[in-house]
Amino acid sequence: MADIDLATPEQLLAGVEIHGVTRGSFIMKGALAASAAYGATAAAPFVSQALAQSGSGDVEILNFALTLEYLEAAFYKKAQSLSLSGEAKKAATKFGDQEQQHVETLKGTIKKLGGKPAAVPGVSFPINGQKSFLKLAQVFEDTGVSAYNGAAPMIKSTEVLAAAGSIVQIEARHAAAIRLLLDMSPAPNAFDKTMTKDEVLKAVKPFIK
């Protein structure tokens, strides 16, 4: 069996499984697929288009964000069972705790709005060591930032928007920290790049099941 620590982030991402048929799970699969094909900033326009076409309200948008947080919390929990060391081990524990706090906050907000929190999706992550953990963490964190950016224009409530803004800032700090551990620039561009709807749909089509 090949050592998956040697795989590219795109190859690792291809092995991620998200089991669930909710709209949030579907959009998340598309966002991750867009990231794999064109880079993390491709997720934002995909999310914007998908949510706009569905006529989503704030509860559905929050459930999409909750699906993302479920995914990240489960990812870091899995990472904590690996033989990590140094700052990577600290990141898996610290970031995992923060993602779980995001989960609880979003669930509480959804309930206050009279909605029903999305169910926890089944997930599987192809990581077996520190290198594969860091590579996939970079994809998840970069995608998370872009996904929140893509969803923000659809949010109607200023209070919900403020809550999402407080979360995306932490996701961005996670992304920067992971990039530094990979000896990558924490902020490679002054602005996130965008793609056209057709470019994104072409990118994600082969990945959606």
Protein backbone atom coordinates (compact mmCIF):
# COMPACT_ATOMS: atom_id res chain seq x y z
CA MET A 1 0.00 0.00 0.00
CA ALA A 2 1.38 3.42 -0.96
CA ASP A 3 2.33 5.83 1.80
CA ILE A 4 -0.40 8.47 1.70
CA ASP A 5 1.96 10.92 3.37
CA LEU A 6 3.51 11.25 -0.10
CA ALA A 7 0.20 12.05 -1.78
CA THR A 8 -0.67 15.53 -2.99
CA PRO A 9 -3.41 17.51 -1.19
CA GLU A 10 -5.69 16.84 -4.18
CA GLN A 11 -5.10 13.08 -3.94
CA LEU A 12 -5.76 13.16 -0.20
CA LEU A 13 -8.93 15.14 -0.73
CA ALA A 14 -10.15 12.59 -3.26
CA GLY A 15 -10.11 10.04 -0.43
CA VAL A 16 -12.29 12.11 1.91
CA GLU A 17 -15.79 10.70 2.27
CA ILE A 18 -18.79 12.69 3.50
CA HIS A 19 -21.87 10.56 3.98
CA GLY A 20 -25.12 12.48 3.97
CA VAL A 21 -27.69 13.86 1.53
CA THR A 22 -28.39 17.21 3.17
CA ARG A 23 -27.95 20.35 1.09
CA GLY A 24 -25.12 21.37 3.40
CA SER A 25 -23.26 18.12 2.77
CA PHE A 26 -23.75 18.47 -0.97
CA ILE A 27 -22.50 22.05 -1.06
CA MET A 28 -19.55 21.11 1.15
CA LYS A 29 -18.58 18.29 -1.22
CA GLY A 30 -18.71 20.78 -4.07
CA ALA A 31 -16.66 23.35 -2.19
CA LEU A 32 -13.96 20.81 -1.39
CA ALA A 33 -14.00 19.57 -4.96
CA ALA A 34 -13.60 23.11 -6.29
CA SER A 35 -10.64 23.56 -3.97
CA ALA A 36 -9.05 20.36 -5.24
CA ALA A 37 -9.42 21.41 -8.86
CA TYR A 38 -8.61 25.13 -8.75
CA GLY A 39 -7.43 26.02 -5.26
CA ALA A 40 -9.23 27.04 -2.10
CA THR A 41 -10.44 30.42 -3.31
CA ALA A 42 -12.60 28.63 -5.88
CA ALA A 43 -14.91 27.56 -3.05
CA ALA A 44 -16.36 31.03 -2.43
CA PRO A 45 -18.11 31.53 -5.80
CA PHE A 46 -19.32 27.91 -5.80
CA VAL A 47 -20.94 28.39 -2.39
CA SER A 48 -22.46 31.74 -3.38
CA GLN A 49 -24.01 30.29 -6.53
CA ALA A 50 -25.29 27.15 -4.80
CA LEU A 51 -26.92 29.04 -1.93
CA ALA A 52 -28.34 31.75 -4.19
CA GLN A 53 -29.95 29.18 -6.50
CA SER A 54 -31.57 27.41 -3.54
CA GLY A 55 -33.06 30.63 -2.15
CA SER A 56 -31.54 29.74 1.21
CA GLY A 57 -32.58 31.48 4.41
CA ASP A 58 -30.28 32.10 7.34
CA VAL A 59 -31.06 28.75 8.98
CA GLU A 60 -30.06 26.80 5.90
CA ILE A 61 -26.89 28.86 5.53
CA LEU A 62 -26.04 28.20 9.18
CA ASN A 63 -26.64 24.49 8.64
CA PHE A 64 -24.21 24.61 5.73
CA ALA A 65 -21.66 26.24 8.06
CA LEU A 66 -22.47 23.62 10.69
CA THR A 67 -21.70 20.86 8.19
CA LEU A 68 -18.31 22.45 7.59
CA GLU A 69 -17.63 22.64 11.32
CA TYR A 70 -18.73 19.02 11.83
CA LEU A 71 -16.24 18.03 9.15
CA GLU A 72 -13.36 20.02 10.62
CA ALA A 73 -14.06 18.92 14.21
CA ALA A 74 -14.09 15.27 13.14
CA PHE A 75 -10.91 15.76 11.11
CA TYR A 76 -8.96 17.15 14.06
CA LYS A 77 -10.33 14.45 16.36
CA LYS A 78 -9.00 11.84 13.94
CA ALA A 79 -5.67 13.70 13.77
CA GLN A 80 -5.32 13.56 17.57
CA SER A 81 -5.12 9.76 17.32
CA LEU A 82 -2.07 9.97 15.05
CA SER A 83 1.60 10.15 16.05
CA LEU A 84 1.96 13.91 15.70
CA SER A 85 4.68 16.00 17.29
CA GLY A 86 5.57 19.59 18.15
CA GLU A 87 3.38 22.38 16.84
CA ALA A 88 1.37 20.02 14.64
CA LYS A 89 0.25 18.05 17.71
CA LYS A 90 -0.66 21.28 19.52
CA ALA A 91 -2.60 22.51 16.48
CA ALA A 92 -4.62 19.30 16.21
CA THR A 93 -5.72 19.62 19.84
CA LYS A 94 -6.25 23.40 19.96
CA PHE A 95 -7.95 23.72 16.59
CA GLY A 96 -10.10 20.66 17.27
CA ASP A 97 -11.37 22.21 20.51
CA GLN A 98 -12.16 25.47 18.72
CA GLU A 99 -13.97 23.74 15.85
CA GLN A 100 -16.11 21.89 18.38
CA GLN A 101 -16.95 25.21 20.02
CA HIS A 102 -18.02 26.48 16.59
CA VAL A 103 -20.26 23.41 16.26
CA GLU A 104 -21.99 24.06 19.58
CA THR A 105 -22.40 27.79 18.87
CA LEU A 106 -23.94 27.19 15.44
CA LYS A 107 -26.29 24.52 16.76
CA GLY A 108 -27.46 26.88 19.50
CA THR A 109 -27.99 29.74 17.05
CA ILE A 110 -29.99 27.55 14.67
CA LYS A 111 -32.25 26.45 17.51
CA LYS A 112 -32.78 30.07 18.63
CA LEU A 113 -33.91 30.89 15.10
CA GLY A 114 -36.46 28.08 15.28
CA GLY A 115 -34.54 25.73 13.02
CA LYS A 116 -33.30 22.18 13.34
CA PRO A 117 -29.53 21.63 13.31
CA ALA A 118 -28.25 19.42 10.52
CA ALA A 119 -27.35 15.86 11.47
CA VAL A 120 -23.72 14.93 11.94
CA PRO A 121 -22.50 13.46 8.61
CA GLY A 122 -20.46 10.29 8.45
CA VAL A 123 -16.87 11.06 7.43
CA SER A 124 -13.64 9.29 6.56
CA PHE A 125 -10.22 10.91 6.22
CA PRO A 126 -7.20 9.34 4.45
CA ILE A 127 -4.53 10.52 6.90
CA ASN A 128 -1.92 8.34 8.59
CA GLY A 129 0.81 10.70 9.75
CA GLN A 130 1.94 14.27 10.22
CA LYS A 131 2.58 15.10 6.57
CA SER A 132 -0.80 13.90 5.35
CA PHE A 133 -2.48 15.62 8.31
CA LEU A 134 -0.92 18.99 7.52
CA LYS A 135 -1.60 18.74 3.78
CA LEU A 136 -5.27 17.95 4.27
CA ALA A 137 -5.60 20.48 7.10
CA GLN A 138 -4.44 23.18 4.70
CA VAL A 139 -7.12 22.23 2.19
CA PHE A 140 -9.86 22.17 4.84
CA GLU A 141 -8.88 25.45 6.48
CA ASP A 142 -8.38 27.33 3.21
CA THR A 143 -11.69 25.97 1.95
CA GLY A 144 -13.40 26.91 5.19
CA VAL A 145 -12.38 30.53 4.86
CA SER A 146 -13.56 30.68 1.25
CA ALA A 147 -16.80 28.89 2.08
CA TYR A 148 -17.70 31.41 4.79
CA ASN A 149 -16.81 34.24 2.42
CA GLY A 150 -19.07 32.70 -0.22
CA ALA A 151 -21.99 32.29 2.17
CA ALA A 152 -21.77 35.73 3.79
CA PRO A 153 -23.54 37.70 1.00
CA MET A 154 -26.59 35.43 1.35
CA ILE A 155 -27.04 36.10 5.10
CA LYS A 156 -29.94 38.42 5.92
CA SER A 157 -29.58 38.91 9.68
CA THR A 158 -26.84 41.31 10.76
CA GLU A 159 -26.46 39.34 14.02
CA VAL A 160 -25.94 36.08 12.14
CA LEU A 161 -23.50 37.81 9.81
CA ALA A 162 -21.52 39.11 12.78
CA ALA A 163 -21.39 35.60 14.28
CA ALA A 164 -20.17 34.14 11.00
CA GLY A 165 -17.58 36.90 10.76
CA SER A 166 -16.22 36.04 14.20
CA ILE A 167 -15.82 32.40 13.15
CA VAL A 168 -14.23 33.01 9.76
CA GLN A 169 -11.50 35.09 11.39
CA ILE A 170 -10.49 32.09 13.49
CA GLU A 171 -10.62 29.82 10.44
CA ALA A 172 -8.26 32.23 8.68
CA ARG A 173 -5.84 32.11 11.60
CA HIS A 174 -5.97 28.32 11.53
CA ALA A 175 -5.22 28.41 7.80
CA ALA A 176 -2.25 30.73 8.32
CA ALA A 177 -0.83 28.58 11.13
CA ILE A 178 -1.10 25.38 9.08
CA ARG A 179 0.52 27.06 6.10
CA LEU A 180 3.46 28.16 8.27
CA LEU A 181 3.91 24.56 9.47
CA LEU A 182 4.13 23.56 5.79
CA ASP A 183 6.71 26.31 5.12
CA MET A 184 4.17 28.10 2.93
CA SER A 185 3.22 31.77 2.86
CA PRO A 186 0.41 32.43 5.36
CA ALA A 187 -1.05 35.10 3.07
CA PRO A 188 0.02 34.44 -0.54
CA ASN A 189 -2.37 36.99 -2.08
CA ALA A 190 -3.68 40.43 -1.13
CA PHE A 191 -7.18 39.40 -2.21
CA ASP A 192 -8.98 36.10 -2.71
CA LYS A 193 -9.37 35.33 -6.38
CA THR A 194 -12.77 34.47 -7.82
CA MET A 195 -13.98 32.28 -10.66
CA THR A 196 -16.97 32.35 -12.96
CA LYS A 197 -19.94 30.07 -12.29
CA ASP A 198 -19.16 27.97 -15.37
CA GLU A 199 -15.53 27.52 -14.33
CA VAL A 200 -16.52 26.33 -10.88
CA LEU A 201 -19.22 23.96 -12.11
CA LYS A 202 -16.79 22.46 -14.63
CA ALA A 203 -14.23 22.01 -11.86
CA VAL A 204 -16.52 20.28 -9.37
CA LYS A 205 -18.58 18.11 -11.74
CA PRO A 206 -16.17 15.13 -11.73
CA PHE A 207 -16.09 15.09 -7.92
CA ILE A 208 -19.79 15.20 -7.08
CA LYS A 209 -21.38 11.83 -6.40
